[in-house]
Amino acid sequence: MIVLDRCAVSTVDSAGTEHRSGHVVVDGGRIVSVGPGPAPAPAGPHTYVDASSCLVTPGLINTHHHLYQWATRGLATDATLFEWLTALYPVWRGLDDTVTHAAASAGLAKLALTGCTLAADHHYVFPSGGGDVFDALVSAGRRIGIRLEAIRGSMDRGQSSGGLPPDNLVEETEAALVATEQAIRDHHSTADDALVRVAVGPCSPFSVSKELMTGAAALARRHGVRLHTHLAETLDEGEQCRAENGCTPTEYAEQLGWLGPDVWLAHTVHLDAAAVKRLGATSTGSAHCPTSNGRLGTGIAPVRDLLDAGAPVGLGVDGAASNEDGGLVVELRSALYQARQRGGPGAMDARTALWMATMGGARVLGRDDALGSVEPGKLADLAVWDLSGLDHAGIADPVAALVLGSPPPLKLLLVGGEVVVRDGVLRTAPTGELARDLATASAKLQEAAR
């Protein structure tokens, strides 16, 4: 049992309940009590945490990432998306299970240190001779100790078929589907407290055939798992889709069976009013990646419009090759700023940003029954933010301090009641070793590409 006492609590429940000074009690991996005032006297052995000057929130949820890209940060820094991909595809040809594990472990460590308790990782690069890179990703998740939505991605449309990736980096359509089904069988869990779930994720319309898109949708629905892809990230993508298919990316996705409550789409920057309405009407989720969109100059997603239409919206870090920071808590402020740049100061407040990073993300990933809010019965995935330092002194509203101030250190990060971070230190793996392994992996990749 863990007792968090004398803390501010933002529950992010449906009523938006908050406690200026309250408590949270965890037992058996779940929240058993939350409320105002001091914690009730525990009946048995427990760990007591004086969390005064702290804010307790649900653990943050990252709805879109490419962890392997942690090994290729700092490249093509002034490129558009298509230029960036063209520059990095040759580097990613050298990816193998060792590099993937090192990059994923480091990336997940950074996410944990910035409040993340569940990360959705979209892995779609499977070079020949690289070993079992998907298993390497899953094992990294277990090593760091946060939950993982492991998305088995795929590409089958190389340059000779009008796609963007080189032919030697794509799979055969049937081989990709077979491997995806095997990943589900090997790693997916339906338990509400699952540490690993698997989703199906053909990469994008400009790197995937219609046959793979429709086959992947049928496969996912046969197994009851979720569907994920990139959509409407750039103007170039929209122009290509109209030229090839005579419709917008959203219309194309709907034609292929890729809208619905079991689907979430990364970026959705360039949506017209009709597309926003369709995502809302079909409960199709969106992973909003503000920092990556800014880094690549792709535009500002219509997040306020999507929320008003009823579409689930969560936050995403995206691959560290297009977001070198790689942390999650900074995305709350970035999301708020971008929404206001697009729609004015009333477009988003701090609590909406926190909702997207918690309950919004849980809805996007279909896990809002067990995650996303601080309520009795839910899993004890909790972030305890230390607001006692210089960076946050004098900010009376702790949620505003978290969202608008500098990223605060974590007093605790709990995943199912297990300590992953304590006093700003990752407790599940040595960060010095993670950094050395990442540097080695990055050098290996870039040397192989020369």
Protein backbone atom coordinates (compact mmCIF):
# COMPACT_ATOMS: atom_id res chain seq x y z
CA MET A 1 0.00 0.00 0.00
CA ILE A 2 1.19 3.53 -0.85
CA VAL A 3 -0.32 6.62 0.76
CA LEU A 4 0.19 9.95 -1.00
CA ASP A 5 -0.76 12.69 1.46
CA ARG A 6 -1.10 16.48 1.67
CA CYS A 7 -0.95 16.88 -2.11
CA ALA A 8 -2.91 18.77 -4.70
CA VAL A 9 -4.84 16.31 -6.85
CA SER A 10 -6.19 16.84 -10.36
CA THR A 11 -8.28 13.74 -10.92
CA VAL A 12 -9.27 14.49 -14.56
CA ASP A 13 -12.52 12.65 -13.88
CA SER A 14 -15.70 13.51 -15.78
CA ALA A 15 -16.54 16.26 -13.28
CA GLY A 16 -13.05 17.76 -13.32
CA THR A 17 -12.67 17.16 -9.58
CA GLU A 18 -9.64 18.75 -7.94
CA HIS A 19 -8.37 18.92 -4.38
CA ARG A 20 -6.12 21.72 -3.22
CA SER A 21 -4.89 19.52 -0.38
CA GLY A 22 -5.86 15.90 -0.55
CA HIS A 23 -4.72 12.32 -0.69
CA VAL A 24 -4.51 9.24 -2.91
CA VAL A 25 -4.19 5.69 -1.57
CA VAL A 26 -2.93 2.82 -3.72
CA ASP A 27 -3.26 -0.88 -2.94
CA GLY A 28 -2.79 -3.93 -5.11
CA GLY A 29 -1.85 -1.84 -8.12
CA ARG A 30 -5.08 0.16 -8.06
CA ILE A 31 -6.39 3.37 -6.58
CA VAL A 32 -8.53 2.62 -3.52
CA SER A 33 -9.12 6.11 -2.15
CA VAL A 34 -8.87 9.70 -3.35
CA GLY A 35 -10.30 12.79 -1.77
CA PRO A 36 -9.76 16.04 0.12
CA GLY A 37 -7.93 16.35 3.40
CA PRO A 38 -5.60 13.89 5.12
CA ALA A 39 -5.50 10.26 4.08
CA PRO A 40 -7.47 7.81 6.22
CA ALA A 41 -5.35 5.78 8.62
CA PRO A 42 -4.19 2.70 6.69
CA ALA A 43 -5.17 -0.69 8.09
CA GLY A 44 -1.92 -2.49 7.30
CA PRO A 45 1.70 -2.08 6.24
CA HIS A 46 2.19 0.86 3.92
CA THR A 47 4.58 3.39 2.47
CA TYR A 48 3.70 6.93 3.50
CA VAL A 49 4.68 9.76 1.14
CA ASP A 50 4.44 13.35 2.32
CA ALA A 51 3.53 14.91 -1.01
CA SER A 52 3.03 18.48 0.17
CA SER A 53 3.98 21.00 -2.54
CA CYS A 54 3.25 18.29 -5.11
CA LEU A 55 0.54 17.80 -7.71
CA VAL A 56 -0.81 14.31 -8.37
CA THR A 57 -2.19 13.66 -11.86
CA PRO A 58 -2.92 10.55 -13.88
CA GLY A 59 0.17 9.25 -15.63
CA LEU A 60 0.57 10.91 -19.01
CA ILE A 61 -0.24 8.94 -22.15
CA ASN A 62 1.78 9.25 -25.36
CA THR A 63 -0.40 8.29 -28.32
CA HIS A 64 2.21 8.37 -31.10
CA HIS A 65 5.94 7.67 -31.16
CA HIS A 66 8.72 6.01 -33.21
CA LEU A 67 11.18 4.88 -30.58
CA TYR A 68 13.73 3.49 -33.03
CA GLN A 69 14.31 7.06 -34.20
CA TRP A 70 16.10 7.87 -30.93
CA ALA A 71 19.19 6.55 -32.71
CA THR A 72 18.91 9.15 -35.51
CA ARG A 73 18.35 12.46 -33.74
CA GLY A 74 19.77 15.70 -35.09
CA LEU A 75 19.67 14.81 -38.79
CA ALA A 76 17.98 16.72 -41.66
CA THR A 77 17.14 19.50 -39.21
CA ASP A 78 15.85 21.96 -41.83
CA ALA A 79 13.95 19.58 -44.12
CA THR A 80 10.30 19.17 -44.98
CA LEU A 81 8.68 15.85 -44.04
CA PHE A 82 9.26 14.22 -47.44
CA GLU A 83 12.85 15.58 -47.60
CA TRP A 84 13.46 14.39 -44.04
CA LEU A 85 12.16 10.90 -44.79
CA THR A 86 14.21 10.67 -47.99
CA ALA A 87 17.34 11.61 -46.02
CA LEU A 88 16.68 9.15 -43.19
CA TYR A 89 15.42 6.06 -45.02
CA PRO A 90 19.00 5.08 -46.07
CA VAL A 91 20.12 5.38 -42.43
CA TRP A 92 17.24 3.25 -41.17
CA ARG A 93 18.24 0.44 -43.53
CA GLY A 94 20.89 -0.44 -40.95
CA LEU A 95 18.37 -0.90 -38.16
CA ASP A 96 18.56 -4.21 -36.26
CA ASP A 97 17.28 -5.63 -32.99
CA THR A 98 20.27 -4.36 -30.98
CA VAL A 99 19.89 -0.79 -32.20
CA THR A 100 16.11 -0.94 -31.75
CA HIS A 101 16.40 -2.14 -28.16
CA ALA A 102 18.94 0.53 -27.26
CA ALA A 103 16.94 3.32 -28.89
CA ALA A 104 13.62 2.17 -27.46
CA SER A 105 15.02 1.74 -23.96
CA ALA A 106 16.48 5.26 -23.99
CA GLY A 107 13.33 6.76 -25.46
CA LEU A 108 11.06 5.06 -22.95
CA ALA A 109 13.34 6.18 -20.12
CA LYS A 110 12.97 9.79 -21.26
CA LEU A 111 9.22 9.37 -21.46
CA ALA A 112 9.07 7.93 -17.95
CA LEU A 113 11.18 10.79 -16.57
CA THR A 114 8.67 13.22 -18.07
CA GLY A 115 5.56 11.64 -16.57
CA CYS A 116 4.58 9.05 -19.18
CA THR A 117 3.07 5.76 -18.01
CA LEU A 118 1.77 4.48 -21.39
CA ALA A 119 3.40 4.95 -24.79
CA ALA A 120 2.07 3.98 -28.21
CA ASP A 121 5.02 3.18 -30.44
CA HIS A 122 4.61 2.85 -34.20
CA HIS A 123 7.38 0.63 -35.58
CA TYR A 124 7.25 0.15 -39.34
CA VAL A 125 10.88 -0.44 -40.45
CA PHE A 126 11.94 -4.10 -40.74
CA PRO A 127 15.22 -4.36 -42.71
CA SER A 128 16.21 -7.76 -44.00
CA GLY A 129 18.66 -9.45 -41.65
CA GLY A 130 17.86 -7.13 -38.74
CA GLY A 131 16.59 -9.82 -36.41
CA ASP A 132 13.37 -9.58 -34.42
CA VAL A 133 13.14 -5.81 -34.00
CA PHE A 134 9.54 -5.93 -32.78
CA ASP A 135 10.49 -8.24 -29.93
CA ALA A 136 13.37 -5.87 -29.17
CA LEU A 137 10.85 -3.04 -28.83
CA VAL A 138 8.59 -5.03 -26.52
CA SER A 139 11.49 -6.14 -24.33
CA ALA A 140 12.56 -2.48 -23.97
CA GLY A 141 9.10 -1.66 -22.66
CA ARG A 142 9.33 -4.39 -20.05
CA ARG A 143 12.84 -3.22 -19.11
CA ILE A 144 11.79 0.36 -18.39
CA GLY A 145 8.48 -0.60 -16.82
CA ILE A 146 5.88 1.61 -18.48
CA ARG A 147 2.92 0.32 -20.50
CA LEU A 148 3.37 -0.10 -24.23
CA GLU A 149 0.91 -0.04 -27.11
CA ALA A 150 3.24 -1.74 -29.58
CA ILE A 151 2.05 -0.94 -33.10
CA ARG A 152 3.26 -3.43 -35.70
CA GLY A 153 3.68 -1.12 -38.66
CA SER A 154 4.43 -1.96 -42.27
CA MET A 155 5.31 -0.52 -45.67
CA ASP A 156 4.87 -2.33 -49.00
CA ARG A 157 4.88 0.55 -51.48
CA GLY A 158 8.44 1.37 -52.52
CA GLN A 159 9.66 3.93 -55.02
CA SER A 160 9.11 1.62 -58.00
CA SER A 161 5.39 1.58 -57.09
CA GLY A 162 5.11 5.32 -56.60
CA GLY A 163 5.83 5.27 -52.89
CA LEU A 164 8.39 7.27 -50.95
CA PRO A 165 10.58 4.61 -49.27
CA PRO A 166 13.30 2.77 -51.21
CA ASP A 167 12.29 -0.66 -52.47
CA ASN A 168 14.79 -2.42 -50.24
CA LEU A 169 13.10 -1.05 -47.10
CA VAL A 170 9.57 -2.32 -47.75
CA GLU A 171 7.95 -5.72 -47.21
CA GLU A 172 5.83 -7.87 -49.44
CA THR A 173 2.15 -7.30 -48.68
CA GLU A 174 1.32 -10.83 -47.54
CA ALA A 175 4.55 -11.13 -45.55
CA ALA A 176 3.70 -7.93 -43.68
CA LEU A 177 0.22 -9.23 -42.80
CA VAL A 178 1.57 -12.58 -41.65
CA ALA A 179 4.19 -10.92 -39.45
CA THR A 180 1.60 -8.55 -38.00
CA GLU A 181 -0.68 -11.42 -37.06
CA GLN A 182 2.25 -13.22 -35.43
CA ALA A 183 3.08 -10.11 -33.38
CA ILE A 184 -0.49 -10.06 -32.06
CA ARG A 185 -0.29 -13.73 -31.11
CA ASP A 186 3.10 -13.32 -29.44
CA HIS A 187 2.61 -10.12 -27.49
CA HIS A 188 -0.97 -8.84 -27.23
CA SER A 189 -2.86 -9.00 -23.94
CA THR A 190 -6.54 -8.20 -23.44
CA ALA A 191 -6.24 -7.76 -19.66
CA ASP A 192 -7.26 -4.33 -18.42
CA ASP A 193 -3.91 -4.03 -16.63
CA ALA A 194 -1.88 -5.24 -19.63
CA LEU A 195 1.66 -3.90 -19.85
CA VAL A 196 1.75 -4.70 -23.57
CA ARG A 197 -0.94 -4.48 -26.19
CA VAL A 198 -0.43 -4.74 -29.92
CA ALA A 199 -2.07 -2.60 -32.61
CA VAL A 200 -1.95 -2.81 -36.40
CA GLY A 201 -0.32 0.11 -38.20
CA PRO A 202 0.42 0.36 -41.93
CA CYS A 203 2.64 3.42 -42.06
CA SER A 204 0.93 5.94 -44.35
CA PRO A 205 -0.98 6.24 -47.63
CA PHE A 206 2.20 7.25 -49.47
CA SER A 207 4.10 4.12 -48.36
CA VAL A 208 1.35 1.50 -48.26
CA SER A 209 -0.81 -0.10 -50.93
CA LYS A 210 -4.60 -0.26 -50.84
CA GLU A 211 -4.31 -4.02 -50.43
CA LEU A 212 -2.22 -3.69 -47.28
CA MET A 213 -4.50 -0.99 -45.83
CA THR A 214 -7.65 -3.08 -46.30
CA GLY A 215 -5.95 -6.34 -45.33
CA ALA A 216 -4.59 -4.77 -42.15
CA ALA A 217 -8.02 -3.42 -41.20
CA ALA A 218 -9.61 -6.84 -41.66
CA LEU A 219 -6.81 -8.49 -39.67
CA ALA A 220 -7.09 -6.04 -36.78
CA ARG A 221 -10.84 -6.40 -36.52
CA ARG A 222 -10.61 -10.17 -36.68
CA HIS A 223 -8.33 -10.08 -33.62
CA GLY A 224 -10.09 -7.21 -31.84
CA VAL A 225 -7.08 -4.90 -31.78
CA ARG A 226 -6.78 -1.25 -32.72
CA LEU A 227 -5.72 0.41 -35.98
CA HIS A 228 -3.24 3.24 -36.45
CA THR A 229 -1.67 5.16 -39.34
CA HIS A 230 -0.41 8.61 -40.31
CA LEU A 231 -2.92 10.85 -42.07
CA ALA A 232 -3.11 14.40 -43.43
CA GLU A 233 0.24 15.41 -41.97
CA THR A 234 1.36 17.63 -44.87
CA LEU A 235 -0.04 19.51 -47.85
CA ASP A 236 2.14 17.31 -50.10
CA GLU A 237 0.31 14.22 -48.86
CA GLY A 238 -3.06 15.79 -49.62
CA GLU A 239 -2.01 16.76 -53.13
CA GLN A 240 -0.66 13.26 -53.83
CA CYS A 241 -3.85 11.63 -52.53
CA ARG A 242 -6.05 13.82 -54.73
CA ALA A 243 -3.89 13.12 -57.77
CA GLU A 244 -3.86 9.34 -57.22
CA ASN A 245 -7.30 8.72 -55.72
CA GLY A 246 -9.40 11.75 -56.59
CA CYS A 247 -10.26 12.47 -52.97
CA THR A 248 -8.90 13.87 -49.71
CA PRO A 249 -6.84 11.69 -47.34
CA THR A 250 -9.80 11.43 -44.95
CA GLU A 251 -12.16 10.37 -47.73
CA TYR A 252 -9.58 7.82 -48.86
CA ALA A 253 -9.25 6.45 -45.33
CA GLU A 254 -13.02 6.08 -45.05
CA GLN A 255 -13.23 4.28 -48.39
CA LEU A 256 -10.72 1.73 -47.07
CA GLY A 257 -12.55 1.18 -43.76
CA TRP A 258 -10.13 3.30 -41.79
CA LEU A 259 -12.49 5.46 -39.77
CA GLY A 260 -14.16 4.26 -36.59
CA PRO A 261 -13.85 4.04 -32.79
CA ASP A 262 -11.07 1.42 -33.10
CA VAL A 263 -8.90 3.74 -35.26
CA TRP A 264 -6.60 6.58 -34.34
CA LEU A 265 -4.67 8.74 -36.78
CA ALA A 266 -1.37 10.53 -36.27
CA HIS A 267 -1.13 14.29 -36.89
CA THR A 268 -4.36 15.12 -38.82
CA VAL A 269 -2.98 18.58 -39.49
CA HIS A 270 -4.68 19.33 -42.81
CA LEU A 271 -8.34 18.54 -42.32
CA ASP A 272 -11.18 20.45 -43.92
CA ALA A 273 -14.47 21.02 -42.07
CA ALA A 274 -16.01 17.88 -43.57
CA ALA A 275 -13.09 15.74 -42.40
CA VAL A 276 -13.30 17.12 -38.87
CA LYS A 277 -17.00 16.32 -38.83
CA ARG A 278 -16.40 12.75 -40.04
CA LEU A 279 -13.75 12.06 -37.41
CA GLY A 280 -16.14 13.29 -34.74
CA ALA A 281 -19.13 11.37 -36.08
CA THR A 282 -17.16 8.11 -36.31
CA SER A 283 -15.27 8.60 -33.00
CA THR A 284 -11.98 8.27 -34.86
CA GLY A 285 -9.08 9.32 -32.65
CA SER A 286 -6.31 11.81 -33.36
CA ALA A 287 -2.76 11.84 -31.98
CA HIS A 288 -1.75 15.51 -31.87
CA CYS A 289 2.05 15.97 -32.08
CA PRO A 290 2.63 19.72 -31.71
CA THR A 291 6.42 19.77 -31.30
CA SER A 292 7.09 17.44 -34.23
CA ASN A 293 4.65 19.37 -36.42
CA GLY A 294 6.52 22.54 -35.51
CA ARG A 295 9.95 21.00 -36.06
CA LEU A 296 8.97 19.86 -39.57
CA GLY A 297 6.88 22.94 -40.30
CA THR A 298 3.85 20.88 -41.32
CA GLY A 299 1.24 23.20 -39.83
CA ILE A 300 -1.07 23.42 -36.81
CA ALA A 301 -3.74 20.77 -36.36
CA PRO A 302 -7.37 21.87 -35.81
CA VAL A 303 -7.46 20.41 -32.31
CA ARG A 304 -10.17 22.68 -30.93
CA ASP A 305 -12.42 21.83 -33.86
CA LEU A 306 -11.81 18.10 -33.39
CA LEU A 307 -12.63 18.29 -29.67
CA ASP A 308 -15.79 20.28 -30.37
CA ALA A 309 -16.81 17.68 -32.98
CA GLY A 310 -16.47 14.89 -30.37
CA ALA A 311 -13.36 13.21 -31.75
CA PRO A 312 -11.03 11.67 -29.14
CA VAL A 313 -7.75 13.63 -29.14
CA GLY A 314 -4.55 12.68 -27.32
CA LEU A 315 -1.00 14.00 -27.37
CA GLY A 316 1.97 12.42 -29.11
CA VAL A 317 5.71 13.02 -28.90
CA ASP A 318 6.44 11.47 -32.32
CA GLY A 319 9.84 10.09 -33.24
CA ALA A 320 12.86 11.74 -31.68
CA ALA A 321 14.31 12.26 -35.15
CA SER A 322 11.64 14.96 -35.56
CA ASN A 323 11.44 15.92 -31.88
CA GLU A 324 14.86 15.72 -30.30
CA ASP A 325 13.55 16.51 -26.81
CA GLY A 326 11.59 13.26 -26.70
CA GLY A 327 9.75 14.11 -23.47
CA LEU A 328 6.00 14.15 -22.98
CA VAL A 329 5.17 16.82 -20.41
CA VAL A 330 6.44 19.61 -22.69
CA GLU A 331 3.77 18.65 -25.24
CA LEU A 332 1.04 20.01 -22.96
CA ARG A 333 2.35 23.55 -23.25
CA SER A 334 3.12 23.15 -26.95
CA ALA A 335 -0.44 21.95 -27.59
CA LEU A 336 -1.91 24.87 -25.69
CA TYR A 337 0.29 27.40 -27.49
CA GLN A 338 -0.49 26.00 -30.94
CA ALA A 339 -4.22 25.95 -30.25
CA ARG A 340 -4.07 29.61 -29.24
CA GLN A 341 -1.96 30.53 -32.25
CA ARG A 342 -4.65 29.03 -34.42
CA GLY A 343 -7.78 30.07 -32.53
CA GLY A 344 -6.91 32.80 -30.04
CA PRO A 345 -6.48 32.76 -26.25
CA GLY A 346 -9.81 31.03 -25.64
CA ALA A 347 -9.01 28.05 -27.85
CA MET A 348 -7.46 25.95 -25.06
CA ASP A 349 -6.83 26.21 -21.34
CA ALA A 350 -4.38 24.34 -19.10
CA ARG A 351 -6.92 21.77 -17.96
CA THR A 352 -7.88 20.85 -21.51
CA ALA A 353 -4.19 20.29 -22.28
CA LEU A 354 -3.89 18.03 -19.23
CA TRP A 355 -7.09 16.19 -20.24
CA MET A 356 -5.68 15.45 -23.70
CA ALA A 357 -2.47 14.08 -22.15
CA THR A 358 -4.39 11.78 -19.80
CA MET A 359 -8.06 10.92 -20.33
CA GLY A 360 -7.93 12.02 -23.97
CA GLY A 361 -5.02 9.67 -24.61
CA ALA A 362 -6.77 6.85 -22.76
CA ARG A 363 -9.84 7.31 -24.97
CA VAL A 364 -7.71 7.34 -28.12
CA LEU A 365 -6.12 4.02 -27.13
CA GLY A 366 -9.36 2.46 -25.88
CA ARG A 367 -8.18 2.23 -22.27
CA ASP A 368 -10.29 4.86 -20.54
CA ASP A 369 -12.07 2.18 -18.49
CA ALA A 370 -8.88 1.56 -16.48
CA LEU A 371 -6.59 4.54 -17.14
CA GLY A 372 -6.61 8.30 -17.65
CA SER A 373 -8.05 9.58 -14.37
CA VAL A 374 -7.42 9.36 -10.62
CA GLU A 375 -10.47 7.44 -9.42
CA PRO A 376 -11.02 4.48 -7.08
CA GLY A 377 -10.84 1.19 -8.99
CA LYS A 378 -8.63 2.50 -11.75
CA LEU A 379 -5.05 1.37 -12.22
CA ALA A 380 -2.51 3.25 -10.12
CA ASP A 381 -0.67 4.91 -13.00
CA LEU A 382 0.17 8.18 -11.30
CA ALA A 383 2.56 11.09 -11.69
CA VAL A 384 3.53 13.04 -8.58
CA TRP A 385 5.00 16.36 -9.72
CA ASP A 386 7.27 18.30 -7.35
CA LEU A 387 6.32 21.98 -7.59
CA SER A 388 8.38 23.14 -4.61
CA GLY A 389 11.31 24.60 -6.55
CA LEU A 390 12.21 28.00 -7.94
CA ASP A 391 10.60 27.35 -11.34
CA HIS A 392 7.10 27.05 -9.88
CA ALA A 393 7.23 29.10 -6.68
CA GLY A 394 4.39 31.59 -6.47
CA ILE A 395 2.14 29.95 -9.08
CA ALA A 396 -1.02 29.40 -7.04
CA ASP A 397 -2.70 27.09 -9.55
CA PRO A 398 -0.77 23.78 -9.64
CA VAL A 399 -2.24 22.72 -13.00
CA ALA A 400 -1.16 26.02 -14.55
CA ALA A 401 2.28 25.49 -13.00
CA LEU A 402 2.53 22.04 -14.60
CA VAL A 403 1.30 23.03 -18.06
CA LEU A 404 2.70 26.56 -18.44
CA GLY A 405 5.82 26.39 -16.31
CA SER A 406 9.07 24.53 -16.80
CA PRO A 407 8.77 20.72 -16.73
CA PRO A 408 8.81 19.87 -13.02
CA PRO A 409 10.74 16.93 -11.58
CA LEU A 410 8.87 13.83 -10.54
CA LYS A 411 8.72 12.90 -6.90
CA LEU A 412 7.18 9.61 -7.99
CA LEU A 413 5.97 7.88 -11.13
CA LEU A 414 3.87 4.80 -10.47
CA VAL A 415 2.76 2.22 -13.04
CA GLY A 416 0.24 -0.15 -11.53
CA GLY A 417 1.52 0.94 -8.13
CA GLU A 418 5.12 0.03 -9.00
CA VAL A 419 7.74 2.76 -8.64
CA VAL A 420 9.37 3.64 -11.98
CA VAL A 421 10.75 7.08 -11.04
CA ARG A 422 11.55 8.36 -7.54
CA ASP A 423 12.91 11.83 -6.76
CA GLY A 424 13.67 12.48 -10.42
CA VAL A 425 15.68 9.26 -10.87
CA LEU A 426 14.69 6.33 -13.06
CA ARG A 427 14.62 3.26 -10.82
CA THR A 428 14.20 0.50 -13.39
CA ALA A 429 17.42 0.89 -15.41
CA PRO A 430 20.67 2.88 -15.06
CA THR A 431 20.43 5.98 -17.27
CA GLY A 432 24.19 6.15 -17.77
CA GLU A 433 24.15 2.69 -19.33
CA LEU A 434 21.13 3.62 -21.45
CA ALA A 435 22.95 6.70 -22.75
CA ARG A 436 26.09 4.75 -23.62
CA ASP A 437 24.11 2.07 -25.44
CA LEU A 438 22.18 4.73 -27.35
CA ALA A 439 25.37 6.54 -28.41
CA THR A 440 26.82 3.24 -29.65
CA ALA A 441 23.65 2.40 -31.56
CA SER A 442 23.50 5.84 -33.17
CA ALA A 443 27.13 5.68 -34.27
CA LYS A 444 26.58 2.18 -35.68
CA LEU A 445 23.60 3.29 -37.76
CA GLN A 446 25.23 6.40 -39.15
CA GLU A 447 28.52 4.64 -39.91
CA ALA A 448 26.67 1.94 -41.83
CA ALA A 449 24.91 4.59 -43.93
CA ARG A 450 28.16 6.25 -45.07
